[in-house]
Amino acid sequence: MILNDIQIRHGVVGGTLLSTVLNISIHDVLFTALMSVIGAVISFIVSYVLRKLFLDKN
């Protein structure tokens, strides 16, 4: 009974991952990578500006 449960669970997870991977285009991957780079740069700039505004009051 437990073996069947594990096989069913692995089958469902494998099928879900495979169907997801097959539906992702290179355009989606590149768009996600570009958005993550933009987000990282903006986060760095905002943290740098806030650090300069509030910590460097010498």
Protein backbone atom coordinates (compact mmCIF):
# COMPACT_ATOMS: atom_id res chain seq x y z
CA MET A 1 0.00 0.00 0.00
CA ILE A 2 2.79 2.45 0.87
CA LEU A 3 4.72 1.52 -2.27
CA ASN A 4 1.73 2.38 -4.45
CA ASP A 5 1.31 5.71 -2.64
CA ILE A 6 4.96 6.60 -3.30
CA GLN A 7 4.67 5.59 -6.96
CA ILE A 8 1.51 7.65 -7.42
CA ARG A 9 3.08 10.65 -5.69
CA HIS A 10 6.22 10.42 -7.84
CA GLY A 11 4.11 10.03 -10.96
CA VAL A 12 2.03 13.09 -10.16
CA VAL A 13 5.07 15.22 -9.29
CA GLY A 14 6.99 14.03 -12.35
CA GLY A 15 4.05 14.67 -14.66
CA THR A 16 3.49 18.12 -13.22
CA LEU A 17 7.15 19.08 -13.58
CA LEU A 18 7.38 17.67 -17.09
CA SER A 19 4.25 19.46 -18.29
CA THR A 20 5.49 22.70 -16.73
CA VAL A 21 8.95 22.44 -18.30
CA LEU A 22 7.50 21.72 -21.72
CA ASN A 23 5.27 24.81 -21.56
CA ILE A 24 8.04 27.28 -20.64
CA SER A 25 9.50 29.05 -23.64
CA ILE A 26 12.94 30.62 -23.95
CA HIS A 27 11.19 34.00 -24.05
CA ASP A 28 9.78 33.37 -20.57
CA VAL A 29 13.19 32.37 -19.23
CA LEU A 30 14.90 35.43 -20.69
CA PHE A 31 12.15 37.76 -19.44
CA THR A 32 12.45 36.30 -15.93
CA ALA A 33 16.24 36.65 -15.98
CA LEU A 34 16.00 40.26 -17.16
CA MET A 35 13.44 41.14 -14.50
CA SER A 36 15.61 39.57 -11.78
CA VAL A 37 18.64 41.60 -12.92
CA ILE A 38 16.60 44.81 -12.95
CA GLY A 39 15.21 44.02 -9.51
CA ALA A 40 18.66 43.32 -8.10
CA VAL A 41 20.08 46.55 -9.50
CA ILE A 42 17.19 48.65 -8.18
CA SER A 43 17.44 46.96 -4.78
CA PHE A 44 21.16 47.71 -4.63
CA ILE A 45 20.66 51.35 -5.61
CA VAL A 46 17.88 51.89 -3.08
CA SER A 47 19.84 50.29 -0.25
CA TYR A 48 22.93 52.33 -1.19
CA VAL A 49 20.97 55.60 -1.22
CA LEU A 50 19.24 54.81 2.09
CA ARG A 51 22.57 53.90 3.68
CA LYS A 52 24.06 57.19 2.51
CA LEU A 53 21.06 59.16 3.77
CA PHE A 54 20.76 57.63 7.23
CA LEU A 55 24.14 56.20 8.22
CA ASP A 56 26.74 58.59 6.82
CA LYS A 57 25.95 61.77 8.80
CA ASN A 58 29.54 62.70 9.60
